[in-house]
Amino acid sequence: MKVYTYKNCSTCREAVKWLREQAIAFDELPIRESPPSPAELRATLEAFGGDVRQLFNTSGQDYRALGLKDKLAAMPAEEALALLAANGNLVKRPFVIDLDRGIHATGFKPAEWQQKLDRAT
């Protein structure tokens, strides 16, 4: 399982702490320096029923600076995925993916994560 995080994000730190407390193995990756790949983003988009907005950090400065609030609804999915893959600041974090087990999550809600992990085992 890969967990993409940003070191200054308190939610990311909480998620990593929770995973360690649950003794769940994962690889932590820096989301700004190594954003999720287009294939990972596409798989997560499909898992989320095609709602591309769920992949975006809508409260981030980059999101606002690019005016994505007004552009995202009309943007083709492939263009949105390319933006995310090129700029980790745009990705909602933490971003969790395990393609082998079908785990996809953005943001951190312990109960939701537990459900996803339980279903995957």
PDB file of N, CA and C in Angstrom:
ATOM      1  N   MET A   1       0.846  -1.170   0.000  1.00  0.00           N
ATOM      2  CA  MET A   1       0.000   0.000   0.000  1.00  0.00           C
ATOM      3  C   MET A   1       0.894   1.236   0.000  1.00  0.00           C
ATOM      4  N   LYS A   2       0.546   2.180  -0.849  1.00  0.00           N
ATOM      5  CA  LYS A   2       1.267   3.449  -0.913  1.00  0.00           C
ATOM      6  C   LYS A   2       0.429   4.530  -0.240  1.00  0.00           C
ATOM      7  N   VAL A   3       1.093   5.360   0.556  1.00  0.00           N
ATOM      8  CA  VAL A   3       0.438   6.484   1.199  1.00  0.00           C
ATOM      9  C   VAL A   3       1.236   7.732   0.828  1.00  0.00           C
ATOM     10  N   TYR A   4       0.616   8.574   0.025  1.00  0.00           N
ATOM     11  CA  TYR A   4       1.248   9.824  -0.386  1.00  0.00           C
ATOM     12  C   TYR A   4       0.886  10.895   0.638  1.00  0.00           C
ATOM     13  N   THR A   5       1.917  11.532   1.199  1.00  0.00           N
ATOM     14  CA  THR A   5       1.698  12.525   2.250  1.00  0.00           C
ATOM     15  C   THR A   5       2.518  13.782   1.992  1.00  0.00           C
ATOM     16  N   TYR A   6       2.163  14.823   2.734  1.00  0.00           N
ATOM     17  CA  TYR A   6       2.930  16.066   2.745  1.00  0.00           C
ATOM     18  C   TYR A   6       3.375  16.280   4.186  1.00  0.00           C
ATOM     19  N   LYS A   7       4.662  16.496   4.375  1.00  0.00           N
ATOM     20  CA  LYS A   7       5.220  16.527   5.732  1.00  0.00           C
ATOM     21  C   LYS A   7       4.605  17.595   6.635  1.00  0.00           C
ATOM     22  N   ASN A   8       4.120  18.695   6.076  1.00  0.00           N
ATOM     23  CA  ASN A   8       3.547  19.760   6.900  1.00  0.00           C
ATOM     24  C   ASN A   8       2.039  19.625   7.084  1.00  0.00           C
ATOM     25  N   CYS A   9       1.483  18.522   6.655  1.00  0.00           N
ATOM     26  CA  CYS A   9       0.040  18.291   6.737  1.00  0.00           C
ATOM     27  C   CYS A   9      -0.290  17.504   8.004  1.00  0.00           C
ATOM     28  N   SER A  10      -1.043  18.113   8.904  1.00  0.00           N
ATOM     29  CA  SER A  10      -1.379  17.436  10.163  1.00  0.00           C
ATOM     30  C   SER A  10      -2.276  16.229   9.918  1.00  0.00           C
ATOM     31  N   THR A  11      -3.145  16.298   8.944  1.00  0.00           N
ATOM     32  CA  THR A  11      -4.004  15.159   8.627  1.00  0.00           C
ATOM     33  C   THR A  11      -3.173  13.975   8.142  1.00  0.00           C
ATOM     34  N   CYS A  12      -2.148  14.269   7.352  1.00  0.00           N
ATOM     35  CA  CYS A  12      -1.248  13.206   6.886  1.00  0.00           C
ATOM     36  C   CYS A  12      -0.525  12.559   8.062  1.00  0.00           C
ATOM     37  N   ARG A  13      -0.061  13.371   8.985  1.00  0.00           N
ATOM     38  CA  ARG A  13       0.632  12.834  10.159  1.00  0.00           C
ATOM     39  C   ARG A  13      -0.307  11.965  10.993  1.00  0.00           C
ATOM     40  N   GLU A  14      -1.561  12.401  11.148  1.00  0.00           N
ATOM     41  CA  GLU A  14      -2.549  11.604  11.887  1.00  0.00           C
ATOM     42  C   GLU A  14      -2.779  10.266  11.189  1.00  0.00           C
ATOM     43  N   ALA A  15      -2.884  10.287   9.872  1.00  0.00           N
ATOM     44  CA  ALA A  15      -3.133   9.062   9.112  1.00  0.00           C
ATOM     45  C   ALA A  15      -1.970   8.086   9.264  1.00  0.00           C
ATOM     46  N   VAL A  16      -0.747   8.580   9.146  1.00  0.00           N
ATOM     47  CA  VAL A  16       0.433   7.727   9.278  1.00  0.00           C
ATOM     48  C   VAL A  16       0.502   7.145  10.686  1.00  0.00           C
ATOM     49  N   LYS A  17       0.208   7.956  11.666  1.00  0.00           N
ATOM     50  CA  LYS A  17       0.207   7.485  13.059  1.00  0.00           C
ATOM     51  C   LYS A  17      -0.839   6.383  13.235  1.00  0.00           C
ATOM     52  N   TRP A  18      -2.026   6.598  12.684  1.00  0.00           N
ATOM     53  CA  TRP A  18      -3.094   5.608  12.788  1.00  0.00           C
ATOM     54  C   TRP A  18      -2.696   4.296  12.124  1.00  0.00           C
ATOM     55  N   LEU A  19      -2.125   4.374  10.929  1.00  0.00           N
ATOM     56  CA  LEU A  19      -1.688   3.162  10.226  1.00  0.00           C
ATOM     57  C   LEU A  19      -0.655   2.399  11.052  1.00  0.00           C
ATOM     58  N   ARG A  20       0.283   3.115  11.648  1.00  0.00           N
ATOM     59  CA  ARG A  20       1.301   2.459  12.481  1.00  0.00           C
ATOM     60  C   ARG A  20       0.674   1.821  13.717  1.00  0.00           C
ATOM     61  N   GLU A  21      -0.285   2.504  14.328  1.00  0.00           N
ATOM     62  CA  GLU A  21      -0.966   1.952  15.501  1.00  0.00           C
ATOM     63  C   GLU A  21      -1.741   0.682  15.142  1.00  0.00           C
ATOM     64  N   GLN A  22      -2.235   0.611  13.911  1.00  0.00           N
ATOM     65  CA  GLN A  22      -2.969  -0.566  13.442  1.00  0.00           C
ATOM     66  C   GLN A  22      -2.028  -1.649  12.918  1.00  0.00           C
ATOM     67  N   ALA A  23      -0.726  -1.383  12.944  1.00  0.00           N
ATOM     68  CA  ALA A  23       0.290  -2.310  12.433  1.00  0.00           C
ATOM     69  C   ALA A  23       0.041  -2.668  10.964  1.00  0.00           C
ATOM     70  N   ILE A  24      -0.307  -1.652  10.189  1.00  0.00           N
ATOM     71  CA  ILE A  24      -0.563  -1.823   8.755  1.00  0.00           C
ATOM     72  C   ILE A  24       0.687  -1.396   7.995  1.00  0.00           C
ATOM     73  N   ALA A  25       1.181  -2.287   7.183  1.00  0.00           N
ATOM     74  CA  ALA A  25       2.384  -1.993   6.396  1.00  0.00           C
ATOM     75  C   ALA A  25       2.039  -1.046   5.249  1.00  0.00           C
ATOM     76  N   PHE A  26       2.912  -0.076   5.022  1.00  0.00           N
ATOM     77  CA  PHE A  26       2.702   0.877   3.929  1.00  0.00           C
ATOM     78  C   PHE A  26       4.029   1.528   3.562  1.00  0.00           C
ATOM     79  N   ASP A  27       4.061   2.056   2.354  1.00  0.00           N
ATOM     80  CA  ASP A  27       5.195   2.858   1.895  1.00  0.00           C
ATOM     81  C   ASP A  27       4.723   4.296   1.853  1.00  0.00           C
ATOM     82  N   GLU A  28       5.447   5.179   2.547  1.00  0.00           N
ATOM     83  CA  GLU A  28       5.093   6.597   2.552  1.00  0.00           C
ATOM     84  C   GLU A  28       5.902   7.313   1.482  1.00  0.00           C
ATOM     85  N   LEU A  29       5.200   8.096   0.663  1.00  0.00           N
ATOM     86  CA  LEU A  29       5.845   8.831  -0.421  1.00  0.00           C
ATOM     87  C   LEU A  29       5.507  10.313  -0.307  1.00  0.00           C
ATOM     88  N   PRO A  30       6.468  11.182  -0.633  1.00  0.00           N
ATOM     89  CA  PRO A  30       6.206  12.623  -0.569  1.00  0.00           C
ATOM     90  C   PRO A  30       5.372  13.065  -1.779  1.00  0.00           C
ATOM     91  N   ILE A  31       4.171  13.512  -1.520  1.00  0.00           N
ATOM     92  CA  ILE A  31       3.224  13.812  -2.591  1.00  0.00           C
ATOM     93  C   ILE A  31       3.671  14.976  -3.480  1.00  0.00           C
ATOM     94  N   ARG A  32       4.385  15.937  -2.918  1.00  0.00           N
ATOM     95  CA  ARG A  32       4.825  17.082  -3.728  1.00  0.00           C
ATOM     96  C   ARG A  32       5.944  16.688  -4.676  1.00  0.00           C
ATOM     97  N   GLU A  33       6.867  15.879  -4.198  1.00  0.00           N
ATOM     98  CA  GLU A  33       8.020  15.495  -5.005  1.00  0.00           C
ATOM     99  C   GLU A  33       7.716  14.312  -5.916  1.00  0.00           C
ATOM    100  N   SER A  34       6.837  13.426  -5.486  1.00  0.00           N
ATOM    101  CA  SER A  34       6.498  12.213  -6.240  1.00  0.00           C
ATOM    102  C   SER A  34       4.986  12.018  -6.237  1.00  0.00           C
ATOM    103  N   PRO A  35       4.261  12.802  -7.021  1.00  0.00           N
ATOM    104  CA  PRO A  35       2.804  12.653  -7.022  1.00  0.00           C
ATOM    105  C   PRO A  35       2.372  11.281  -7.552  1.00  0.00           C
ATOM    106  N   PRO A  36       1.146  10.886  -7.262  1.00  0.00           N
ATOM    107  CA  PRO A  36       0.648   9.623  -7.820  1.00  0.00           C
ATOM    108  C   PRO A  36       0.743   9.631  -9.342  1.00  0.00           C
ATOM    109  N   SER A  37       0.939   8.455  -9.895  1.00  0.00           N
ATOM    110  CA  SER A  37       1.070   8.332 -11.352  1.00  0.00           C
ATOM    111  C   SER A  37      -0.291   8.509 -12.025  1.00  0.00           C
ATOM    112  N   PRO A  38      -0.288   8.812 -13.311  1.00  0.00           N
ATOM    113  CA  PRO A  38      -1.569   8.891 -14.027  1.00  0.00           C
ATOM    114  C   PRO A  38      -2.388   7.600 -13.901  1.00  0.00           C
ATOM    115  N   ALA A  39      -1.724   6.451 -13.926  1.00  0.00           N
ATOM    116  CA  ALA A  39      -2.439   5.175 -13.792  1.00  0.00           C
ATOM    117  C   ALA A  39      -3.075   5.044 -12.409  1.00  0.00           C
ATOM    118  N   GLU A  40      -2.368   5.461 -11.370  1.00  0.00           N
ATOM    119  CA  GLU A  40      -2.921   5.406 -10.009  1.00  0.00           C
ATOM    120  C   GLU A  40      -4.096   6.366  -9.867  1.00  0.00           C
ATOM    121  N   LEU A  41      -3.944   7.545 -10.428  1.00  0.00           N
ATOM    122  CA  LEU A  41      -5.020   8.532 -10.370  1.00  0.00           C
ATOM    123  C   LEU A  41      -6.243   8.046 -11.140  1.00  0.00           C
ATOM    124  N   ARG A  42      -6.027   7.458 -12.310  1.00  0.00           N
ATOM    125  CA  ARG A  42      -7.124   6.952 -13.133  1.00  0.00           C
ATOM    126  C   ARG A  42      -7.864   5.826 -12.397  1.00  0.00           C
ATOM    127  N   ALA A  43      -7.117   4.920 -11.779  1.00  0.00           N
ATOM    128  CA  ALA A  43      -7.732   3.816 -11.037  1.00  0.00           C
ATOM    129  C   ALA A  43      -8.559   4.341  -9.870  1.00  0.00           C
ATOM    130  N   THR A  44      -8.054   5.348  -9.191  1.00  0.00           N
ATOM    131  CA  THR A  44      -8.783   5.924  -8.062  1.00  0.00           C
ATOM    132  C   THR A  44     -10.018   6.669  -8.549  1.00  0.00           C
ATOM    133  N   LEU A  45      -9.880   7.366  -9.656  1.00  0.00           N
ATOM    134  CA  LEU A  45     -11.033   8.052 -10.243  1.00  0.00           C
ATOM    135  C   LEU A  45     -12.143   7.049 -10.565  1.00  0.00           C
ATOM    136  N   GLU A  46     -11.782   5.938 -11.138  1.00  0.00           N
ATOM    137  CA  GLU A  46     -12.767   4.891 -11.447  1.00  0.00           C
ATOM    138  C   GLU A  46     -13.393   4.345 -10.157  1.00  0.00           C
ATOM    139  N   ALA A  47     -12.566   4.129  -9.126  1.00  0.00           N
ATOM    140  CA  ALA A  47     -13.071   3.624  -7.847  1.00  0.00           C
ATOM    141  C   ALA A  47     -14.043   4.607  -7.198  1.00  0.00           C
ATOM    142  N   PHE A  48     -13.850   5.911  -7.479  1.00  0.00           N
ATOM    143  CA  PHE A  48     -14.715   6.952  -6.929  1.00  0.00           C
ATOM    144  C   PHE A  48     -15.887   7.276  -7.854  1.00  0.00           C
ATOM    145  N   GLY A  49     -16.142   6.425  -8.828  1.00  0.00           N
ATOM    146  CA  GLY A  49     -17.287   6.612  -9.703  1.00  0.00           C
ATOM    147  C   GLY A  49     -17.146   7.753 -10.688  1.00  0.00           C
ATOM    148  N   GLY A  50     -15.913   8.143 -10.984  1.00  0.00           N
ATOM    149  CA  GLY A  50     -15.682   9.187 -11.982  1.00  0.00           C
ATOM    150  C   GLY A  50     -15.751  10.612 -11.465  1.00  0.00           C
ATOM    151  N   ASP A  51     -15.883  10.805 -10.168  1.00  0.00           N
ATOM    152  CA  ASP A  51     -15.959  12.155  -9.586  1.00  0.00           C
ATOM    153  C   ASP A  51     -14.553  12.712  -9.377  1.00  0.00           C
ATOM    154  N   VAL A  52     -14.056  13.413 -10.381  1.00  0.00           N
ATOM    155  CA  VAL A  52     -12.677  13.901 -10.361  1.00  0.00           C
ATOM    156  C   VAL A  52     -12.428  14.892  -9.223  1.00  0.00           C
ATOM    157  N   ARG A  53     -13.453  15.591  -8.798  1.00  0.00           N
ATOM    158  CA  ARG A  53     -13.287  16.580  -7.718  1.00  0.00           C
ATOM    159  C   ARG A  53     -12.777  15.926  -6.429  1.00  0.00           C
ATOM    160  N   GLN A  54     -13.126  14.650  -6.208  1.00  0.00           N
ATOM    161  CA  GLN A  54     -12.684  13.950  -5.001  1.00  0.00           C
ATOM    162  C   GLN A  54     -11.175  13.745  -4.964  1.00  0.00           C
ATOM    163  N   LEU A  55     -10.508  13.903  -6.089  1.00  0.00           N
ATOM    164  CA  LEU A  55      -9.056  13.731  -6.135  1.00  0.00           C
ATOM    165  C   LEU A  55      -8.309  15.027  -5.856  1.00  0.00           C
ATOM    166  N   PHE A  56      -9.007  16.156  -5.906  1.00  0.00           N
ATOM    167  CA  PHE A  56      -8.358  17.453  -5.783  1.00  0.00           C
ATOM    168  C   PHE A  56      -8.370  17.991  -4.363  1.00  0.00           C
ATOM    169  N   ASN A  57      -7.258  18.640  -4.001  1.00  0.00           N
ATOM    170  CA  ASN A  57      -7.138  19.379  -2.750  1.00  0.00           C
ATOM    171  C   ASN A  57      -7.790  20.740  -2.995  1.00  0.00           C
ATOM    172  N   THR A  58      -9.107  20.787  -2.801  1.00  0.00           N
ATOM    173  CA  THR A  58      -9.875  21.987  -3.159  1.00  0.00           C
ATOM    174  C   THR A  58      -9.616  23.171  -2.230  1.00  0.00           C
ATOM    175  N   SER A  59      -8.943  22.942  -1.129  1.00  0.00           N
ATOM    176  CA  SER A  59      -8.646  24.053  -0.220  1.00  0.00           C
ATOM    177  C   SER A  59      -7.217  24.565  -0.399  1.00  0.00           C
ATOM    178  N   GLY A  60      -6.489  24.000  -1.339  1.00  0.00           N
ATOM    179  CA  GLY A  60      -5.101  24.386  -1.540  1.00  0.00           C
ATOM    180  C   GLY A  60      -4.915  25.656  -2.358  1.00  0.00           C
ATOM    181  N   GLN A  61      -3.782  26.291  -2.167  1.00  0.00           N
ATOM    182  CA  GLN A  61      -3.456  27.527  -2.880  1.00  0.00           C
ATOM    183  C   GLN A  61      -3.339  27.306  -4.381  1.00  0.00           C
ATOM    184  N   ASP A  62      -2.747  26.191  -4.785  1.00  0.00           N
ATOM    185  CA  ASP A  62      -2.583  25.921  -6.211  1.00  0.00           C
ATOM    186  C   ASP A  62      -3.940  25.755  -6.890  1.00  0.00           C
ATOM    187  N   TYR A  63      -4.868  25.102  -6.234  1.00  0.00           N
ATOM    188  CA  TYR A  63      -6.221  24.911  -6.755  1.00  0.00           C
ATOM    189  C   TYR A  63      -6.881  26.269  -7.001  1.00  0.00           C
ATOM    190  N   ARG A  64      -6.759  27.149  -6.009  1.00  0.00           N
ATOM    191  CA  ARG A  64      -7.360  28.478  -6.133  1.00  0.00           C
ATOM    192  C   ARG A  64      -6.640  29.311  -7.191  1.00  0.00           C
ATOM    193  N   ALA A  65      -5.305  29.257  -7.200  1.00  0.00           N
ATOM    194  CA  ALA A  65      -4.527  30.057  -8.152  1.00  0.00           C
ATOM    195  C   ALA A  65      -4.837  29.685  -9.604  1.00  0.00           C
ATOM    196  N   LEU A  66      -5.137  28.418  -9.845  1.00  0.00           N
ATOM    197  CA  LEU A  66      -5.449  27.965 -11.199  1.00  0.00           C
ATOM    198  C   LEU A  66      -6.933  28.149 -11.557  1.00  0.00           C
ATOM    199  N   GLY A  67      -7.715  28.644 -10.599  1.00  0.00           N
ATOM    200  CA  GLY A  67      -9.135  28.870 -10.850  1.00  0.00           C
ATOM    201  C   GLY A  67      -9.900  27.590 -11.143  1.00  0.00           C
ATOM    202  N   LEU A  68      -9.478  26.487 -10.529  1.00  0.00           N
ATOM    203  CA  LEU A  68     -10.073  25.192 -10.848  1.00  0.00           C
ATOM    204  C   LEU A  68     -11.513  25.043 -10.354  1.00  0.00           C
ATOM    205  N   LYS A  69     -11.902  25.840  -9.388  1.00  0.00           N
ATOM    206  CA  LYS A  69     -13.282  25.770  -8.896  1.00  0.00           C
ATOM    207  C   LYS A  69     -14.257  25.976 -10.053  1.00  0.00           C
ATOM    208  N   ASP A  70     -13.926  26.915 -10.934  1.00  0.00           N
ATOM    209  CA  ASP A  70     -14.813  27.235 -12.049  1.00  0.00           C
ATOM    210  C   ASP A  70     -14.513  26.412 -13.296  1.00  0.00           C
ATOM    211  N   LYS A  71     -13.336  25.833 -13.397  1.00  0.00           N
ATOM    212  CA  LYS A  71     -12.928  25.123 -14.609  1.00  0.00           C
ATOM    213  C   LYS A  71     -13.122  23.615 -14.541  1.00  0.00           C
ATOM    214  N   LEU A  72     -13.080  23.056 -13.343  1.00  0.00           N
ATOM    215  CA  LEU A  72     -13.014  21.601 -13.188  1.00  0.00           C
ATOM    216  C   LEU A  72     -14.226  20.873 -13.769  1.00  0.00           C
ATOM    217  N   ALA A  73     -15.417  21.411 -13.594  1.00  0.00           N
ATOM    218  CA  ALA A  73     -16.625  20.728 -14.063  1.00  0.00           C
ATOM    219  C   ALA A  73     -16.606  20.488 -15.576  1.00  0.00           C
ATOM    220  N   ALA A  74     -16.026  21.415 -16.325  1.00  0.00           N
ATOM    221  CA  ALA A  74     -16.001  21.296 -17.786  1.00  0.00           C
ATOM    222  C   ALA A  74     -14.721  20.652 -18.311  1.00  0.00           C
ATOM    223  N   MET A  75     -13.774  20.388 -17.422  1.00  0.00           N
ATOM    224  CA  MET A  75     -12.472  19.871 -17.844  1.00  0.00           C
ATOM    225  C   MET A  75     -12.551  18.365 -18.134  1.00  0.00           C
ATOM    226  N   PRO A  76     -12.001  17.937 -19.273  1.00  0.00           N
ATOM    227  CA  PRO A  76     -11.957  16.494 -19.539  1.00  0.00           C
ATOM    228  C   PRO A  76     -11.156  15.765 -18.459  1.00  0.00           C
ATOM    229  N   ALA A  77     -11.574  14.562 -18.129  1.00  0.00           N
ATOM    230  CA  ALA A  77     -10.933  13.800 -17.061  1.00  0.00           C
ATOM    231  C   ALA A  77      -9.434  13.624 -17.312  1.00  0.00           C
ATOM    232  N   GLU A  78      -9.036  13.342 -18.526  1.00  0.00           N
ATOM    233  CA  GLU A  78      -7.615  13.126 -18.815  1.00  0.00           C
ATOM    234  C   GLU A  78      -6.795  14.386 -18.555  1.00  0.00           C
ATOM    235  N   GLU A  79      -7.358  15.544 -18.841  1.00  0.00           N
ATOM    236  CA  GLU A  79      -6.669  16.805 -18.564  1.00  0.00           C
ATOM    237  C   GLU A  79      -6.532  17.017 -17.051  1.00  0.00           C
ATOM    238  N   ALA A  80      -7.581  16.719 -16.319  1.00  0.00           N
ATOM    239  CA  ALA A  80      -7.545  16.848 -14.856  1.00  0.00           C
ATOM    240  C   ALA A  80      -6.517  15.892 -14.257  1.00  0.00           C
ATOM    241  N   LEU A  81      -6.476  14.659 -14.756  1.00  0.00           N
ATOM    242  CA  LEU A  81      -5.512  13.682 -14.254  1.00  0.00           C
ATOM    243  C   LEU A  81      -4.084  14.110 -14.562  1.00  0.00           C
ATOM    244  N   ALA A  82      -3.863  14.697 -15.721  1.00  0.00           N
ATOM    245  CA  ALA A  82      -2.532  15.184 -16.083  1.00  0.00           C
ATOM    246  C   ALA A  82      -2.103  16.311 -15.145  1.00  0.00           C
ATOM    247  N   LEU A  83      -3.024  17.190 -14.800  1.00  0.00           N
ATOM    248  CA  LEU A  83      -2.721  18.267 -13.846  1.00  0.00           C
ATOM    249  C   LEU A  83      -2.307  17.693 -12.494  1.00  0.00           C
ATOM    250  N   LEU A  84      -3.069  16.724 -12.024  1.00  0.00           N
ATOM    251  CA  LEU A  84      -2.781  16.104 -10.730  1.00  0.00           C
ATOM    252  C   LEU A  84      -1.434  15.394 -10.735  1.00  0.00           C
ATOM    253  N   ALA A  85      -1.149  14.662 -11.796  1.00  0.00           N
ATOM    254  CA  ALA A  85       0.108  13.906 -11.885  1.00  0.00           C
ATOM    255  C   ALA A  85       1.311  14.831 -11.963  1.00  0.00           C
ATOM    256  N   ALA A  86       1.105  16.033 -12.474  1.00  0.00           N
ATOM    257  CA  ALA A  86       2.205  16.984 -12.626  1.00  0.00           C
ATOM    258  C   ALA A  86       2.402  17.870 -11.393  1.00  0.00           C
ATOM    259  N   ASN A  87       1.399  17.943 -10.524  1.00  0.00           N
ATOM    260  CA  ASN A  87       1.477  18.846  -9.382  1.00  0.00           C
ATOM    261  C   ASN A  87       0.858  18.185  -8.153  1.00  0.00           C
ATOM    262  N   GLY A  88       1.711  17.603  -7.323  1.00  0.00           N
ATOM    263  CA  GLY A  88       1.242  16.924  -6.116  1.00  0.00           C
ATOM    264  C   GLY A  88       0.488  17.811  -5.153  1.00  0.00           C
ATOM    265  N   ASN A  89       0.708  19.125  -5.221  1.00  0.00           N
ATOM    266  CA  ASN A  89      -0.030  20.040  -4.348  1.00  0.00           C
ATOM    267  C   ASN A  89      -1.528  20.024  -4.652  1.00  0.00           C
ATOM    268  N   LEU A  90      -1.885  19.631  -5.865  1.00  0.00           N
ATOM    269  CA  LEU A  90      -3.289  19.615  -6.254  1.00  0.00           C
ATOM    270  C   LEU A  90      -4.028  18.371  -5.761  1.00  0.00           C
ATOM    271  N   VAL A  91      -3.283  17.340  -5.382  1.00  0.00           N
ATOM    272  CA  VAL A  91      -3.892  16.064  -4.991  1.00  0.00           C
ATOM    273  C   VAL A  91      -4.362  16.122  -3.541  1.00  0.00           C
ATOM    274  N   LYS A  92      -5.601  15.667  -3.319  1.00  0.00           N
ATOM    275  CA  LYS A  92      -6.119  15.595  -1.954  1.00  0.00           C
ATOM    276  C   LYS A  92      -5.289  14.593  -1.172  1.00  0.00           C
ATOM    277  N   ARG A  93      -4.895  14.982   0.002  1.00  0.00           N
ATOM    278  CA  ARG A  93      -3.997  14.144   0.796  1.00  0.00           C
ATOM    279  C   ARG A  93      -4.568  13.870   2.178  1.00  0.00           C
ATOM    280  N   PRO A  94      -4.117  12.796   2.764  1.00  0.00           N
ATOM    281  CA  PRO A  94      -3.267  11.774   2.178  1.00  0.00           C
ATOM    282  C   PRO A  94      -3.996  11.035   1.062  1.00  0.00           C
ATOM    283  N   PHE A  95      -3.221  10.538   0.135  1.00  0.00           N
ATOM    284  CA  PHE A  95      -3.725   9.780  -1.001  1.00  0.00           C
ATOM    285  C   PHE A  95      -3.221   8.356  -0.828  1.00  0.00           C
ATOM    286  N   VAL A  96      -4.147   7.406  -0.744  1.00  0.00           N
ATOM    287  CA  VAL A  96      -3.789   6.017  -0.455  1.00  0.00           C
ATOM    288  C   VAL A  96      -4.224   5.132  -1.611  1.00  0.00           C
ATOM    289  N   ILE A  97      -3.321   4.252  -2.009  1.00  0.00           N
ATOM    290  CA  ILE A  97      -3.660   3.320  -3.077  1.00  0.00           C
ATOM    291  C   ILE A  97      -2.929   2.003  -2.893  1.00  0.00           C
ATOM    292  N   ASP A  98      -3.674   0.945  -3.132  1.00  0.00           N
ATOM    293  CA  ASP A  98      -3.108  -0.400  -3.195  1.00  0.00           C
ATOM    294  C   ASP A  98      -3.865  -1.090  -4.326  1.00  0.00           C
ATOM    295  N   LEU A  99      -3.290  -1.065  -5.512  1.00  0.00           N
ATOM    296  CA  LEU A  99      -3.968  -1.607  -6.685  1.00  0.00           C
ATOM    297  C   LEU A  99      -4.239  -3.101  -6.549  1.00  0.00           C
ATOM    298  N   ASP A 100      -3.326  -3.826  -5.926  1.00  0.00           N
ATOM    299  CA  ASP A 100      -3.498  -5.270  -5.774  1.00  0.00           C
ATOM    300  C   ASP A 100      -4.707  -5.622  -4.905  1.00  0.00           C
ATOM    301  N   ARG A 101      -4.963  -4.813  -3.894  1.00  0.00           N
ATOM    302  CA  ARG A 101      -6.064  -5.103  -2.964  1.00  0.00           C
ATOM    303  C   ARG A 101      -7.293  -4.222  -3.205  1.00  0.00           C
ATOM    304  N   GLY A 102      -7.215  -3.332  -4.193  1.00  0.00           N
ATOM    305  CA  GLY A 102      -8.361  -2.492  -4.516  1.00  0.00           C
ATOM    306  C   GLY A 102      -8.662  -1.427  -3.481  1.00  0.00           C
ATOM    307  N   ILE A 103      -7.615  -0.890  -2.854  1.00  0.00           N
ATOM    308  CA  ILE A 103      -7.802   0.149  -1.840  1.00  0.00           C
ATOM    309  C   ILE A 103      -7.529   1.517  -2.479  1.00  0.00           C
ATOM    310  N   HIS A 104      -8.487   2.422  -2.314  1.00  0.00           N
ATOM    311  CA  HIS A 104      -8.366   3.790  -2.817  1.00  0.00           C
ATOM    312  C   HIS A 104      -8.966   4.716  -1.766  1.00  0.00           C
ATOM    313  N   ALA A 105      -8.201   5.715  -1.327  1.00  0.00           N
ATOM    314  CA  ALA A 105      -8.727   6.667  -0.350  1.00  0.00           C
ATOM    315  C   ALA A 105      -8.027   8.007  -0.513  1.00  0.00           C
ATOM    316  N   THR A 106      -8.781   9.060  -0.243  1.00  0.00           N
ATOM    317  CA  THR A 106      -8.207  10.402  -0.161  1.00  0.00           C
ATOM    318  C   THR A 106      -8.737  11.031   1.109  1.00  0.00           C
ATOM    319  N   GLY A 107      -7.922  11.899   1.701  1.00  0.00           N
ATOM    320  CA  GLY A 107      -8.307  12.452   2.987  1.00  0.00           C
ATOM    321  C   GLY A 107      -8.179  11.360   4.045  1.00  0.00           C
ATOM    322  N   PHE A 108      -8.454  11.704   5.296  1.00  0.00           N
ATOM    323  CA  PHE A 108      -8.325  10.710   6.355  1.00  0.00           C
ATOM    324  C   PHE A 108      -9.538  10.719   7.258  1.00  0.00           C
ATOM    325  N   LYS A 109     -10.273   9.621   7.186  1.00  0.00           N
ATOM    326  CA  LYS A 109     -11.386   9.353   8.095  1.00  0.00           C
ATOM    327  C   LYS A 109     -11.156   7.931   8.592  1.00  0.00           C
ATOM    328  N   PRO A 110     -10.735   7.768   9.857  1.00  0.00           N
ATOM    329  CA  PRO A 110     -10.368   6.445  10.364  1.00  0.00           C
ATOM    330  C   PRO A 110     -11.412   5.357  10.108  1.00  0.00           C
ATOM    331  N   ALA A 111     -12.682   5.639  10.345  1.00  0.00           N
ATOM    332  CA  ALA A 111     -13.712   4.613  10.168  1.00  0.00           C
ATOM    333  C   ALA A 111     -13.815   4.185   8.704  1.00  0.00           C
ATOM    334  N   GLU A 112     -13.730   5.157   7.799  1.00  0.00           N
ATOM    335  CA  GLU A 112     -13.784   4.856   6.363  1.00  0.00           C
ATOM    336  C   GLU A 112     -12.574   4.030   5.943  1.00  0.00           C
ATOM    337  N   TRP A 113     -11.401   4.410   6.434  1.00  0.00           N
ATOM    338  CA  TRP A 113     -10.190   3.663   6.106  1.00  0.00           C
ATOM    339  C   TRP A 113     -10.291   2.230   6.623  1.00  0.00           C
ATOM    340  N   GLN A 114     -10.804   2.068   7.857  1.00  0.00           N
ATOM    341  CA  GLN A 114     -10.920   0.734   8.429  1.00  0.00           C
ATOM    342  C   GLN A 114     -11.828  -0.138   7.581  1.00  0.00           C
ATOM    343  N   GLN A 115     -12.940   0.418   7.117  1.00  0.00           N
ATOM    344  CA  GLN A 115     -13.858  -0.331   6.251  1.00  0.00           C
ATOM    345  C   GLN A 115     -13.166  -0.779   4.966  1.00  0.00           C
ATOM    346  N   LYS A 116     -12.438   0.126   4.357  1.00  0.00           N
ATOM    347  CA  LYS A 116     -11.742  -0.194   3.111  1.00  0.00           C
ATOM    348  C   LYS A 116     -10.693  -1.290   3.338  1.00  0.00           C
ATOM    349  N   LEU A 117      -9.977  -1.201   4.429  1.00  0.00           N
ATOM    350  CA  LEU A 117      -8.960  -2.201   4.749  1.00  0.00           C
ATOM    351  C   LEU A 117      -9.593  -3.546   5.079  1.00  0.00           C
ATOM    352  N   ASP A 118     -10.712  -3.528   5.800  1.00  0.00           N
ATOM    353  CA  ASP A 118     -11.403  -4.768   6.156  1.00  0.00           C
ATOM    354  C   ASP A 118     -11.908  -5.476   4.912  1.00  0.00           C
ATOM    355  N   ARG A 119     -12.457  -4.709   3.966  1.00  0.00           N
ATOM    356  CA  ARG A 119     -12.978  -5.301   2.734  1.00  0.00           C
ATOM    357  C   ARG A 119     -11.865  -5.878   1.868  1.00  0.00           C
ATOM    358  N   ALA A 120     -10.668  -5.307   1.985  1.00  0.00           N
ATOM    359  CA  ALA A 120      -9.546  -5.710   1.138  1.00  0.00           C
ATOM    360  C   ALA A 120      -8.851  -6.980   1.627  1.00  0.00           C
ATOM    361  N   THR A 121      -9.091  -7.359   2.867  1.00  0.00           N
ATOM    362  CA  THR A 121      -8.374  -8.518   3.407  1.00  0.00           C
ATOM    363  C   THR A 121      -9.145  -9.809   3.249  1.00  0.00           C
TER     364      THR A 121
END
